[in-house]
Structure formats: C-alpha cells, structure tokens
N, C-alpha and C. Protein backbone atom coordinates (compact mmCIF):
# COMPACT_ATOMS: atom_id res chain seq x y z
N UNK A 1 8.73 32.95 -11.79
CA UNK A 1 10.10 32.62 -11.46
C UNK A 1 11.04 32.90 -12.62
N UNK A 2 10.68 32.44 -13.83
CA UNK A 2 11.60 32.65 -14.96
C UNK A 2 11.76 34.13 -15.25
N UNK A 3 10.65 34.88 -15.19
CA UNK A 3 10.74 36.33 -15.43
C UNK A 3 11.67 36.97 -14.41
N UNK A 4 11.56 36.55 -13.17
CA UNK A 4 12.43 37.08 -12.12
C UNK A 4 13.90 36.81 -12.44
N UNK A 5 14.23 35.57 -12.81
CA UNK A 5 15.63 35.24 -13.07
C UNK A 5 16.13 35.85 -14.38
N UNK A 6 15.25 36.02 -15.36
CA UNK A 6 15.65 36.74 -16.57
C UNK A 6 16.10 38.15 -16.21
N UNK A 7 15.32 38.81 -15.36
CA UNK A 7 15.63 40.19 -15.00
C UNK A 7 16.81 40.26 -14.04
N UNK A 8 17.03 39.20 -13.29
CA UNK A 8 18.11 39.21 -12.30
C UNK A 8 19.48 38.86 -12.92
N UNK A 9 19.50 38.30 -14.09
CA UNK A 9 20.74 37.79 -14.68
C UNK A 9 21.91 38.77 -14.62
N UNK A 10 21.75 40.05 -15.02
CA UNK A 10 22.90 40.95 -15.02
C UNK A 10 23.48 41.22 -13.64
N UNK A 11 22.68 40.99 -12.58
CA UNK A 11 23.16 41.28 -11.23
C UNK A 11 23.27 40.02 -10.37
N UNK A 12 23.09 38.85 -10.96
CA UNK A 12 23.06 37.62 -10.18
C UNK A 12 24.37 37.40 -9.41
N UNK A 13 25.50 37.65 -10.06
CA UNK A 13 26.78 37.40 -9.41
C UNK A 13 27.04 38.32 -8.23
N UNK A 14 26.29 39.41 -8.13
CA UNK A 14 26.43 40.29 -6.97
C UNK A 14 26.18 39.53 -5.68
N UNK A 15 25.28 38.55 -5.73
CA UNK A 15 24.97 37.75 -4.54
C UNK A 15 26.20 37.00 -4.06
N UNK A 16 26.93 36.39 -4.99
CA UNK A 16 28.15 35.68 -4.62
C UNK A 16 29.25 36.64 -4.19
N UNK A 17 29.41 37.73 -4.90
CA UNK A 17 30.55 38.63 -4.70
C UNK A 17 30.34 39.66 -3.59
N UNK A 18 29.11 39.83 -3.13
CA UNK A 18 28.86 40.84 -2.12
C UNK A 18 28.92 42.24 -2.67
N UNK A 19 28.48 42.41 -3.92
CA UNK A 19 28.48 43.71 -4.56
C UNK A 19 27.05 44.14 -4.85
N UNK A 20 26.89 45.34 -5.44
CA UNK A 20 25.55 45.81 -5.77
C UNK A 20 24.68 45.91 -4.52
N UNK A 21 23.46 45.37 -4.62
CA UNK A 21 22.53 45.42 -3.49
C UNK A 21 23.03 44.63 -2.29
N UNK A 22 23.99 43.77 -2.47
CA UNK A 22 24.49 42.93 -1.38
C UNK A 22 25.70 43.54 -0.69
N UNK A 23 26.18 44.69 -1.18
CA UNK A 23 27.39 45.29 -0.62
C UNK A 23 27.20 45.71 0.83
N UNK A 24 25.99 46.12 1.19
CA UNK A 24 25.75 46.61 2.55
C UNK A 24 25.21 45.54 3.50
N UNK A 25 25.05 44.33 3.02
CA UNK A 25 24.50 43.28 3.87
C UNK A 25 25.56 42.72 4.81
N UNK A 26 25.15 42.44 6.02
CA UNK A 26 26.05 41.84 7.00
C UNK A 26 26.00 40.32 6.84
N UNK A 27 27.03 39.76 6.26
CA UNK A 27 27.08 38.31 6.04
C UNK A 27 28.41 37.78 6.58
N UNK A 28 28.55 37.71 7.89
CA UNK A 28 29.83 37.31 8.49
C UNK A 28 30.25 35.91 8.05
N UNK A 29 31.49 35.81 7.62
CA UNK A 29 32.04 34.52 7.20
C UNK A 29 31.65 34.10 5.80
N UNK A 30 30.95 34.95 5.06
CA UNK A 30 30.46 34.59 3.72
C UNK A 30 31.61 34.20 2.79
N UNK A 31 32.60 35.06 2.67
CA UNK A 31 33.69 34.81 1.72
C UNK A 31 34.44 33.53 2.05
N UNK A 32 34.68 33.29 3.34
CA UNK A 32 35.39 32.07 3.74
C UNK A 32 34.56 30.84 3.45
N UNK A 33 33.26 30.92 3.70
CA UNK A 33 32.40 29.76 3.46
C UNK A 33 32.25 29.48 1.97
N UNK A 34 32.14 30.54 1.17
CA UNK A 34 32.07 30.35 -0.27
C UNK A 34 33.36 29.72 -0.80
N UNK A 35 34.51 30.17 -0.30
CA UNK A 35 35.78 29.59 -0.72
C UNK A 35 35.87 28.11 -0.31
N UNK A 36 35.38 27.79 0.88
CA UNK A 36 35.41 26.40 1.34
C UNK A 36 34.48 25.53 0.49
N UNK A 37 33.31 26.07 0.13
CA UNK A 37 32.41 25.33 -0.75
C UNK A 37 33.06 25.05 -2.10
N UNK A 38 33.68 26.06 -2.69
CA UNK A 38 34.34 25.89 -3.99
C UNK A 38 35.44 24.85 -3.91
N UNK A 39 36.20 24.85 -2.83
CA UNK A 39 37.25 23.83 -2.66
C UNK A 39 36.64 22.44 -2.56
N UNK A 40 35.54 22.32 -1.84
CA UNK A 40 34.88 21.02 -1.68
C UNK A 40 34.36 20.51 -3.02
N UNK A 41 33.78 21.39 -3.82
CA UNK A 41 33.28 20.97 -5.13
C UNK A 41 34.42 20.58 -6.06
N UNK A 42 35.47 21.37 -6.06
CA UNK A 42 36.61 21.10 -6.94
C UNK A 42 37.32 19.80 -6.58
N UNK A 43 37.19 19.38 -5.31
CA UNK A 43 37.86 18.16 -4.85
C UNK A 43 37.09 16.89 -5.19
N UNK A 44 35.86 17.00 -5.70
CA UNK A 44 35.10 15.82 -6.08
C UNK A 44 35.76 15.12 -7.26
N UNK A 45 35.58 13.80 -7.40
CA UNK A 45 36.12 13.12 -8.58
C UNK A 45 35.51 13.70 -9.85
N UNK A 46 36.30 13.92 -10.89
CA UNK A 46 35.74 14.46 -12.14
C UNK A 46 34.66 13.53 -12.69
N UNK A 47 33.66 14.13 -13.31
CA UNK A 47 32.55 13.35 -13.87
C UNK A 47 31.92 14.14 -15.01
N UNK A 48 31.29 13.39 -15.92
CA UNK A 48 30.46 14.04 -16.94
C UNK A 48 29.22 14.58 -16.24
N UNK A 49 29.14 15.89 -16.15
CA UNK A 49 28.17 16.52 -15.25
C UNK A 49 27.21 17.42 -16.01
N UNK A 50 25.93 17.33 -15.64
CA UNK A 50 24.92 18.29 -16.08
C UNK A 50 24.60 19.18 -14.90
N UNK A 51 24.89 20.47 -15.04
CA UNK A 51 24.56 21.42 -13.97
C UNK A 51 23.21 22.05 -14.29
N UNK A 52 22.21 21.64 -13.55
CA UNK A 52 20.83 22.08 -13.77
C UNK A 52 20.62 23.44 -13.10
N UNK A 53 19.93 24.33 -13.82
CA UNK A 53 19.73 25.70 -13.33
C UNK A 53 21.08 26.34 -13.05
N UNK A 54 21.95 26.29 -14.04
CA UNK A 54 23.33 26.74 -13.87
C UNK A 54 23.44 28.25 -13.70
N UNK A 55 22.40 28.99 -14.08
CA UNK A 55 22.46 30.44 -13.94
C UNK A 55 23.57 31.03 -14.78
N UNK A 56 24.36 31.89 -14.17
CA UNK A 56 25.46 32.54 -14.89
C UNK A 56 26.71 31.67 -14.99
N UNK A 57 26.67 30.49 -14.38
CA UNK A 57 27.85 29.62 -14.41
C UNK A 57 28.89 29.97 -13.37
N UNK A 58 28.57 30.87 -12.45
CA UNK A 58 29.53 31.30 -11.45
C UNK A 58 30.07 30.10 -10.66
N UNK A 59 29.17 29.25 -10.19
CA UNK A 59 29.57 28.07 -9.43
C UNK A 59 29.91 26.90 -10.34
N UNK A 60 29.25 26.83 -11.50
CA UNK A 60 29.41 25.71 -12.43
C UNK A 60 30.87 25.52 -12.84
N UNK A 61 31.59 26.61 -13.04
CA UNK A 61 32.97 26.53 -13.53
C UNK A 61 33.91 25.83 -12.56
N UNK A 62 33.47 25.64 -11.31
CA UNK A 62 34.31 24.97 -10.32
C UNK A 62 34.00 23.47 -10.23
N UNK A 63 33.02 22.99 -10.97
CA UNK A 63 32.71 21.56 -10.96
C UNK A 63 33.74 20.81 -11.80
N UNK A 64 34.29 19.72 -11.28
CA UNK A 64 35.34 19.00 -12.01
C UNK A 64 34.77 18.07 -13.07
N UNK A 65 35.47 17.98 -14.19
CA UNK A 65 35.07 17.07 -15.25
C UNK A 65 34.49 17.80 -16.45
N UNK A 66 33.84 17.05 -17.30
CA UNK A 66 33.22 17.56 -18.53
C UNK A 66 31.81 18.05 -18.17
N UNK A 67 31.60 19.36 -18.17
CA UNK A 67 30.38 19.93 -17.60
C UNK A 67 29.53 20.61 -18.68
N UNK A 68 28.24 20.33 -18.62
CA UNK A 68 27.23 21.00 -19.45
C UNK A 68 26.31 21.78 -18.53
N UNK A 69 26.04 23.03 -18.87
CA UNK A 69 25.12 23.84 -18.08
C UNK A 69 23.75 23.91 -18.72
N UNK A 70 22.71 23.81 -17.91
CA UNK A 70 21.34 23.88 -18.40
C UNK A 70 20.57 24.93 -17.61
N UNK A 71 19.81 25.77 -18.30
CA UNK A 71 18.99 26.76 -17.63
C UNK A 71 17.84 27.16 -18.56
N UNK A 72 16.72 27.60 -17.98
CA UNK A 72 15.59 28.07 -18.79
C UNK A 72 15.75 29.52 -19.20
N UNK A 73 16.63 30.24 -18.52
CA UNK A 73 16.76 31.68 -18.73
C UNK A 73 17.81 31.99 -19.79
N UNK A 74 17.38 32.55 -20.91
CA UNK A 74 18.32 32.93 -21.97
C UNK A 74 19.31 33.99 -21.49
N UNK A 75 18.89 35.02 -20.74
CA UNK A 75 19.87 36.00 -20.25
C UNK A 75 20.93 35.38 -19.33
N UNK A 76 20.53 34.42 -18.50
CA UNK A 76 21.51 33.73 -17.67
C UNK A 76 22.51 32.97 -18.53
N UNK A 77 22.02 32.27 -19.54
CA UNK A 77 22.90 31.48 -20.38
C UNK A 77 23.85 32.34 -21.20
N UNK A 78 23.44 33.55 -21.55
CA UNK A 78 24.35 34.44 -22.28
C UNK A 78 25.61 34.71 -21.47
N UNK A 79 25.45 34.86 -20.17
CA UNK A 79 26.60 35.06 -19.29
C UNK A 79 27.35 33.75 -19.08
N UNK A 80 26.61 32.66 -18.89
CA UNK A 80 27.23 31.36 -18.63
C UNK A 80 28.11 30.91 -19.79
N UNK A 81 27.76 31.28 -21.01
CA UNK A 81 28.54 30.86 -22.18
C UNK A 81 29.99 31.31 -22.11
N UNK A 82 30.26 32.36 -21.37
CA UNK A 82 31.62 32.85 -21.23
C UNK A 82 32.42 32.00 -20.25
N UNK A 83 31.73 31.11 -19.51
CA UNK A 83 32.40 30.34 -18.46
C UNK A 83 32.32 28.84 -18.67
N UNK A 84 31.33 28.39 -19.45
CA UNK A 84 31.09 26.95 -19.63
C UNK A 84 31.17 26.63 -21.11
N UNK A 85 31.83 25.53 -21.43
CA UNK A 85 32.01 25.17 -22.85
C UNK A 85 30.69 24.86 -23.54
N UNK A 86 29.76 24.20 -22.82
CA UNK A 86 28.48 23.82 -23.42
C UNK A 86 27.34 24.25 -22.53
N UNK A 87 26.37 24.94 -23.12
CA UNK A 87 25.16 25.31 -22.39
C UNK A 87 23.96 24.91 -23.23
N UNK A 88 22.88 24.55 -22.54
CA UNK A 88 21.64 24.11 -23.19
C UNK A 88 20.49 24.84 -22.50
N UNK A 89 19.56 25.34 -23.29
CA UNK A 89 18.37 25.96 -22.70
C UNK A 89 17.29 24.89 -22.55
N UNK A 90 16.80 24.75 -21.34
CA UNK A 90 15.76 23.74 -21.10
C UNK A 90 15.34 23.74 -19.65
N UNK A 91 14.28 22.98 -19.35
CA UNK A 91 13.73 22.90 -18.02
C UNK A 91 14.26 21.72 -17.23
N UNK A 92 14.24 21.85 -15.91
CA UNK A 92 14.81 20.83 -15.03
C UNK A 92 13.85 19.70 -14.73
N UNK A 93 12.56 19.91 -14.93
CA UNK A 93 11.58 18.87 -14.56
C UNK A 93 11.28 17.93 -15.71
N UNK A 94 11.83 18.24 -16.89
CA UNK A 94 11.74 17.34 -18.05
C UNK A 94 13.05 17.53 -18.81
N UNK A 95 14.11 16.93 -18.31
CA UNK A 95 15.45 17.17 -18.85
C UNK A 95 15.54 16.70 -20.30
N UNK A 96 16.06 17.54 -21.19
CA UNK A 96 16.11 17.21 -22.61
C UNK A 96 17.30 16.32 -22.98
N UNK A 97 17.44 15.21 -22.26
CA UNK A 97 18.56 14.29 -22.48
C UNK A 97 18.07 12.85 -22.31
N UNK A 98 18.71 11.90 -22.99
CA UNK A 98 18.33 10.49 -22.83
C UNK A 98 18.78 9.94 -21.50
N UNK A 99 18.29 8.75 -21.19
CA UNK A 99 18.68 8.06 -19.96
C UNK A 99 20.20 7.90 -19.91
N UNK A 100 20.76 8.08 -18.71
CA UNK A 100 22.19 7.84 -18.46
C UNK A 100 23.09 8.67 -19.37
N UNK A 101 22.65 9.87 -19.72
CA UNK A 101 23.46 10.74 -20.58
C UNK A 101 24.66 11.32 -19.84
N UNK A 102 24.60 11.35 -18.49
CA UNK A 102 25.67 11.94 -17.69
C UNK A 102 26.02 10.99 -16.55
N UNK A 103 27.12 11.29 -15.88
CA UNK A 103 27.50 10.56 -14.68
C UNK A 103 26.99 11.25 -13.41
N UNK A 104 26.83 12.57 -13.51
CA UNK A 104 26.42 13.34 -12.33
C UNK A 104 25.51 14.48 -12.75
N UNK A 105 24.44 14.69 -12.00
CA UNK A 105 23.62 15.90 -12.11
C UNK A 105 23.95 16.78 -10.91
N UNK A 106 24.21 18.06 -11.17
CA UNK A 106 24.43 19.03 -10.10
C UNK A 106 23.30 20.05 -10.12
N UNK A 107 22.95 20.56 -8.95
CA UNK A 107 21.93 21.60 -8.86
C UNK A 107 22.32 22.53 -7.72
N UNK A 108 22.60 23.77 -8.05
CA UNK A 108 23.01 24.74 -7.05
C UNK A 108 21.95 25.80 -6.83
N UNK A 109 21.45 25.88 -5.58
CA UNK A 109 20.43 26.87 -5.22
C UNK A 109 19.22 26.80 -6.15
N UNK A 110 18.86 25.57 -6.46
CA UNK A 110 17.67 25.30 -7.27
C UNK A 110 16.69 24.41 -6.49
N UNK A 111 17.22 23.35 -5.90
CA UNK A 111 16.36 22.40 -5.19
C UNK A 111 15.52 23.10 -4.11
N UNK A 112 16.10 24.09 -3.43
CA UNK A 112 15.41 24.79 -2.37
C UNK A 112 14.27 25.68 -2.84
N UNK A 113 14.13 25.86 -4.16
CA UNK A 113 13.01 26.62 -4.70
C UNK A 113 11.85 25.73 -5.13
N UNK A 114 12.01 24.42 -5.00
CA UNK A 114 10.99 23.50 -5.47
C UNK A 114 10.03 23.10 -4.36
N UNK A 115 8.73 23.10 -4.65
CA UNK A 115 7.75 22.58 -3.73
C UNK A 115 7.64 21.06 -3.92
N UNK A 116 6.95 20.39 -3.01
CA UNK A 116 7.02 18.93 -2.91
C UNK A 116 6.80 18.18 -4.23
N UNK A 117 5.74 18.44 -4.99
CA UNK A 117 5.57 17.69 -6.24
C UNK A 117 6.71 17.93 -7.23
N UNK A 118 7.22 19.17 -7.26
CA UNK A 118 8.33 19.48 -8.16
C UNK A 118 9.61 18.78 -7.71
N UNK A 119 9.81 18.69 -6.41
CA UNK A 119 11.00 18.01 -5.89
C UNK A 119 11.02 16.55 -6.35
N UNK A 120 9.88 15.88 -6.24
CA UNK A 120 9.82 14.48 -6.64
C UNK A 120 10.11 14.32 -8.13
N UNK A 121 9.56 15.21 -8.95
CA UNK A 121 9.79 15.14 -10.39
C UNK A 121 11.25 15.38 -10.73
N UNK A 122 11.85 16.39 -10.07
CA UNK A 122 13.25 16.69 -10.35
C UNK A 122 14.16 15.53 -9.96
N UNK A 123 13.94 14.97 -8.77
CA UNK A 123 14.80 13.87 -8.32
C UNK A 123 14.67 12.66 -9.23
N UNK A 124 13.47 12.40 -9.72
CA UNK A 124 13.28 11.29 -10.65
C UNK A 124 14.00 11.56 -11.97
N UNK A 125 13.92 12.78 -12.48
CA UNK A 125 14.60 13.13 -13.72
C UNK A 125 16.12 13.06 -13.54
N UNK A 126 16.61 13.54 -12.42
CA UNK A 126 18.05 13.49 -12.17
C UNK A 126 18.54 12.05 -12.14
N UNK A 127 17.78 11.17 -11.47
CA UNK A 127 18.16 9.75 -11.40
C UNK A 127 18.09 9.09 -12.77
N UNK A 128 17.21 9.59 -13.63
CA UNK A 128 17.09 9.01 -14.96
C UNK A 128 18.32 9.29 -15.83
N UNK A 129 18.90 10.48 -15.70
CA UNK A 129 19.98 10.85 -16.62
C UNK A 129 21.37 10.67 -16.01
N UNK A 130 21.47 10.40 -14.70
CA UNK A 130 22.80 10.24 -14.09
C UNK A 130 22.71 9.40 -12.83
N UNK A 131 23.81 8.76 -12.48
CA UNK A 131 23.85 7.91 -11.29
C UNK A 131 24.12 8.70 -10.02
N UNK A 132 24.64 9.93 -10.14
CA UNK A 132 24.94 10.75 -8.97
C UNK A 132 24.17 12.07 -9.03
N UNK A 133 23.88 12.59 -7.86
CA UNK A 133 23.22 13.89 -7.75
C UNK A 133 23.95 14.72 -6.70
N UNK A 134 24.40 15.89 -7.10
CA UNK A 134 25.04 16.84 -6.21
C UNK A 134 24.09 18.02 -6.01
N UNK A 135 23.72 18.28 -4.76
CA UNK A 135 22.82 19.39 -4.45
C UNK A 135 23.56 20.38 -3.55
N UNK A 136 23.62 21.62 -3.99
CA UNK A 136 24.18 22.72 -3.21
C UNK A 136 23.04 23.68 -2.91
N UNK A 137 22.92 24.09 -1.64
CA UNK A 137 21.84 25.02 -1.33
C UNK A 137 22.19 25.87 -0.12
N UNK A 138 21.21 26.63 0.33
CA UNK A 138 21.42 27.60 1.41
C UNK A 138 21.28 26.94 2.77
N UNK A 139 22.22 27.25 3.66
CA UNK A 139 22.21 26.68 5.01
C UNK A 139 21.16 27.35 5.87
N UNK A 140 20.54 26.56 6.72
CA UNK A 140 19.54 27.09 7.66
C UNK A 140 20.26 27.86 8.77
N UNK A 141 19.79 29.07 9.01
CA UNK A 141 20.35 29.92 10.06
C UNK A 141 19.25 30.33 11.02
N UNK A 142 19.65 30.90 12.13
CA UNK A 142 18.67 31.28 13.14
C UNK A 142 17.76 32.40 12.68
N UNK A 143 18.21 33.19 11.70
CA UNK A 143 17.43 34.35 11.29
C UNK A 143 16.49 34.06 10.12
N UNK A 144 16.38 32.80 9.70
CA UNK A 144 15.46 32.47 8.62
C UNK A 144 14.63 31.25 9.01
N UNK A 145 13.39 31.15 8.51
CA UNK A 145 12.57 29.97 8.79
C UNK A 145 13.00 28.81 7.89
N UNK A 146 12.37 27.67 8.08
CA UNK A 146 12.67 26.52 7.22
C UNK A 146 12.26 26.79 5.78
N UNK A 147 11.17 27.53 5.60
CA UNK A 147 10.70 27.86 4.26
C UNK A 147 9.81 29.09 4.31
N UNK A 148 9.69 29.76 3.19
CA UNK A 148 8.78 30.91 3.09
C UNK A 148 8.73 31.37 1.64
N UNK A 149 7.77 32.21 1.36
CA UNK A 149 7.75 32.95 0.10
C UNK A 149 8.62 34.19 0.34
N UNK A 150 9.78 34.19 -0.29
CA UNK A 150 10.82 35.17 0.00
C UNK A 150 10.64 36.43 -0.86
N UNK A 151 10.54 37.61 -0.27
CA UNK A 151 10.44 38.83 -1.06
C UNK A 151 11.80 39.19 -1.65
N UNK A 152 11.82 39.54 -2.93
CA UNK A 152 13.04 39.92 -3.61
C UNK A 152 12.83 41.25 -4.34
N UNK A 153 13.82 42.14 -4.24
CA UNK A 153 13.79 43.41 -4.95
C UNK A 153 15.06 43.52 -5.79
N UNK A 154 14.90 43.80 -7.08
CA UNK A 154 16.04 43.91 -7.98
C UNK A 154 16.48 45.36 -8.13
N UNK A 155 17.59 45.55 -8.81
CA UNK A 155 18.14 46.90 -8.97
C UNK A 155 17.21 47.82 -9.75
N UNK A 156 16.34 47.26 -10.57
CA UNK A 156 15.38 48.09 -11.30
C UNK A 156 14.14 48.39 -10.46
N UNK A 157 14.20 48.01 -9.16
CA UNK A 157 13.14 48.22 -8.18
C UNK A 157 11.91 47.33 -8.41
N UNK A 158 11.99 46.39 -9.33
CA UNK A 158 10.90 45.43 -9.48
C UNK A 158 10.87 44.51 -8.27
N UNK A 159 9.67 44.10 -7.87
CA UNK A 159 9.49 43.29 -6.67
C UNK A 159 8.93 41.92 -7.05
N UNK A 160 9.45 40.90 -6.38
CA UNK A 160 9.09 39.52 -6.71
C UNK A 160 8.95 38.72 -5.42
N UNK A 161 8.26 37.60 -5.52
CA UNK A 161 8.16 36.64 -4.42
C UNK A 161 8.59 35.28 -4.93
N UNK A 162 9.54 34.66 -4.23
CA UNK A 162 10.12 33.40 -4.67
C UNK A 162 10.03 32.39 -3.52
N UNK A 163 9.51 31.20 -3.81
CA UNK A 163 9.46 30.16 -2.79
C UNK A 163 10.88 29.70 -2.47
N UNK A 164 11.20 29.62 -1.17
CA UNK A 164 12.57 29.33 -0.76
C UNK A 164 12.60 28.48 0.49
N UNK A 165 13.50 27.49 0.49
CA UNK A 165 13.75 26.67 1.67
C UNK A 165 15.22 26.80 2.07
N UNK A 166 15.49 26.62 3.38
CA UNK A 166 16.84 26.58 3.90
C UNK A 166 17.04 25.24 4.59
N UNK A 167 18.28 24.73 4.60
CA UNK A 167 18.53 23.36 5.06
C UNK A 167 19.66 23.30 6.07
N UNK A 168 19.53 22.43 7.05
CA UNK A 168 20.70 21.96 7.78
C UNK A 168 21.37 20.89 6.92
N UNK A 169 22.64 20.64 7.17
CA UNK A 169 23.32 19.61 6.41
C UNK A 169 22.67 18.25 6.57
N UNK A 170 22.31 17.91 7.82
CA UNK A 170 21.69 16.61 8.09
C UNK A 170 20.34 16.49 7.38
N UNK A 171 19.57 17.57 7.38
CA UNK A 171 18.26 17.53 6.73
C UNK A 171 18.39 17.29 5.24
N UNK A 172 19.29 18.04 4.59
CA UNK A 172 19.44 17.88 3.14
C UNK A 172 19.98 16.50 2.80
N UNK A 173 20.93 16.01 3.59
CA UNK A 173 21.49 14.68 3.34
C UNK A 173 20.41 13.61 3.46
N UNK A 174 19.55 13.73 4.47
CA UNK A 174 18.47 12.75 4.65
C UNK A 174 17.44 12.86 3.53
N UNK A 175 17.16 14.08 3.10
CA UNK A 175 16.10 14.29 2.12
C UNK A 175 16.47 13.76 0.74
N UNK A 176 17.71 13.94 0.34
CA UNK A 176 18.11 13.47 -1.00
C UNK A 176 18.87 12.15 -0.94
N UNK A 177 19.05 11.63 0.27
CA UNK A 177 19.67 10.32 0.40
C UNK A 177 21.15 10.30 0.10
N UNK A 178 21.87 11.34 0.53
CA UNK A 178 23.29 11.42 0.20
C UNK A 178 24.17 11.70 1.39
N UNK A 179 25.44 12.02 1.10
CA UNK A 179 26.44 12.29 2.12
C UNK A 179 26.88 13.75 2.02
N UNK A 180 27.17 14.34 3.16
CA UNK A 180 27.60 15.73 3.18
C UNK A 180 28.94 15.91 2.46
N UNK A 181 28.98 16.90 1.62
CA UNK A 181 30.22 17.34 0.97
C UNK A 181 30.72 18.61 1.63
N UNK A 182 29.78 19.45 2.05
CA UNK A 182 30.13 20.70 2.73
C UNK A 182 28.98 21.11 3.62
N UNK A 183 29.28 21.59 4.82
CA UNK A 183 28.27 22.13 5.73
C UNK A 183 28.86 23.35 6.41
N UNK A 184 28.44 24.52 5.97
CA UNK A 184 28.95 25.76 6.53
C UNK A 184 27.84 26.65 7.02
N UNK A 185 28.19 27.87 7.37
CA UNK A 185 27.20 28.81 7.90
C UNK A 185 26.22 29.25 6.82
N UNK A 186 26.69 29.31 5.56
CA UNK A 186 25.87 29.85 4.48
C UNK A 186 25.50 28.81 3.42
N UNK A 187 26.31 27.77 3.28
CA UNK A 187 26.10 26.81 2.20
C UNK A 187 26.14 25.39 2.75
N UNK A 188 25.34 24.52 2.14
CA UNK A 188 25.42 23.08 2.38
C UNK A 188 25.48 22.38 1.03
N UNK A 189 26.15 21.25 0.99
CA UNK A 189 26.24 20.47 -0.25
C UNK A 189 26.21 18.99 0.09
N UNK A 190 25.46 18.24 -0.71
CA UNK A 190 25.28 16.80 -0.49
C UNK A 190 25.45 16.07 -1.81
N UNK A 191 26.13 14.93 -1.78
CA UNK A 191 26.30 14.08 -2.96
C UNK A 191 25.58 12.77 -2.72
N UNK A 192 24.63 12.44 -3.60
CA UNK A 192 23.86 11.18 -3.52
C UNK A 192 24.25 10.31 -4.69
N UNK A 193 24.31 9.01 -4.45
CA UNK A 193 24.69 8.05 -5.49
C UNK A 193 23.59 7.01 -5.65
N UNK A 194 23.42 6.55 -6.88
CA UNK A 194 22.46 5.49 -7.15
C UNK A 194 21.04 5.99 -7.10
N UNK A 195 20.12 5.11 -6.75
CA UNK A 195 18.69 5.43 -6.77
C UNK A 195 18.20 6.08 -5.49
N UNK A 196 19.11 6.30 -4.52
CA UNK A 196 18.67 6.78 -3.22
C UNK A 196 18.00 8.14 -3.29
N UNK A 197 18.48 9.02 -4.17
CA UNK A 197 17.91 10.36 -4.25
C UNK A 197 16.46 10.30 -4.72
N UNK A 198 16.19 9.54 -5.78
CA UNK A 198 14.83 9.45 -6.29
C UNK A 198 13.91 8.82 -5.26
N UNK A 199 14.40 7.80 -4.54
CA UNK A 199 13.57 7.15 -3.53
C UNK A 199 13.29 8.09 -2.38
N UNK A 200 14.31 8.87 -1.94
CA UNK A 200 14.11 9.81 -0.86
C UNK A 200 13.14 10.90 -1.26
N UNK A 201 13.24 11.36 -2.49
CA UNK A 201 12.34 12.40 -2.97
C UNK A 201 10.91 11.94 -3.01
N UNK A 202 10.68 10.70 -3.42
CA UNK A 202 9.33 10.17 -3.44
C UNK A 202 8.76 10.10 -2.05
N UNK A 203 9.60 9.71 -1.07
CA UNK A 203 9.12 9.62 0.30
C UNK A 203 8.79 10.99 0.86
N UNK A 204 9.64 12.02 0.58
CA UNK A 204 9.39 13.33 1.15
C UNK A 204 8.18 14.00 0.52
N UNK A 205 7.83 13.60 -0.70
CA UNK A 205 6.67 14.20 -1.35
C UNK A 205 5.37 13.56 -0.90
N UNK A 206 5.44 12.40 -0.24
CA UNK A 206 4.24 11.68 0.18
C UNK A 206 3.99 11.94 1.66
N UNK A 207 2.94 12.67 2.02
CA UNK A 207 2.72 13.01 3.43
C UNK A 207 2.40 11.82 4.29
N UNK A 208 2.10 10.66 3.71
CA UNK A 208 1.74 9.47 4.49
C UNK A 208 2.93 8.58 4.74
N UNK A 209 4.14 9.00 4.31
CA UNK A 209 5.31 8.16 4.52
C UNK A 209 6.28 8.83 5.48
C-alpha cells in the first residue's frame, strides 16, 4: 500500500480533478458532488484537527480550524506541505501524539481501505487523541460491490491491488457511530462525537456481536 501511494503521489490529484488517467472516465455529477462535499466540510465548526492519511492535502485544506496533516508517504507530504501549515510523517494505527492532543480526527478515503482488525485499531487511536472523528469516503454505487481488492494502474503502467470498501451514508454512520455530514453519489461523510466511534468499531470488528 505505501509503495503504491508513494508512486501515486504526483498524479493523486488527477482523481479529484478528472485529469490524467481520469480524464476519459464517465463520472456524472462528480464535480457537483465534490463541490458539495467541500462546502459541507468547510461549514463544520472549526476545530484543532488531525487529518490522518492526508495525502497531498487536496481535501485537507478545506477543513476548518487549526489543521495538522499526517501521512506515511513522504512523496505525498512533499506536496501537502504546499497546502498545510503543519505535516507529520507517521502511521494511522499508532498515532504519534499524546491523548487528547486534538479536538477532531479526520480521515478521507482512508477508512475504506482498512480491514476489520485495522478498523478497530484506527477507531481506538482516533478516540484516544480526539473527541470527534470525521470520516469521508466513497459512496456505494450500483456499479461497485461493497468491497473488493481493487486493481489500480498508474501512469508508469505499474499495477497494484488495493483493498477497498464503498459505503452508503446510513452504513457509514452506523459503523462509526456518527451523523451524516454529506451523502452524495460519489462521496459520503460522517461526524462522530465522543466514544461512539471506538465502540462502534469494536462491535463491527467482532463477528459475534
């Protein structure tokens, strides 16, 4: 995964902008839904925020408040530094911050790449460092399954497989224990407060609950 995102960094924003390999893709309503998501994020109350897996910072710059970006990929952070005042290199499953260091943890298009044990660890770490959790991810559509190992091809023709999940708004809200912030054709966003996210994550990771 990290090797894939290191190599993808120079072209990552093409996904948002509909350029490069995404220029020929049919994504009806993409631009409008992306604009609506950005408005929804910008309308949240400002908070001291840690944006986990911030990538290039494309979406991070629209988060209100004092924002720190965190990512494991050095090439991603090189781009993010141009958009975010503070960036930190580190992993999301063992956040390099003390308890209650932030008011909000944000994660955009990261949670959907985590398998069950990783989801539980991430939600517990997020609850440890902040009282709120904002999750932005990909909306479930008729042309994609709930989850799969997704084939990816980069501009250098390298081929990768990435675990990926897609969500309905109701599913994501129930899973992380939060309220919908945005539910569109391409994007969903949920804000969870208090311990509900960690508790929901523990339940979803346990097949007997």
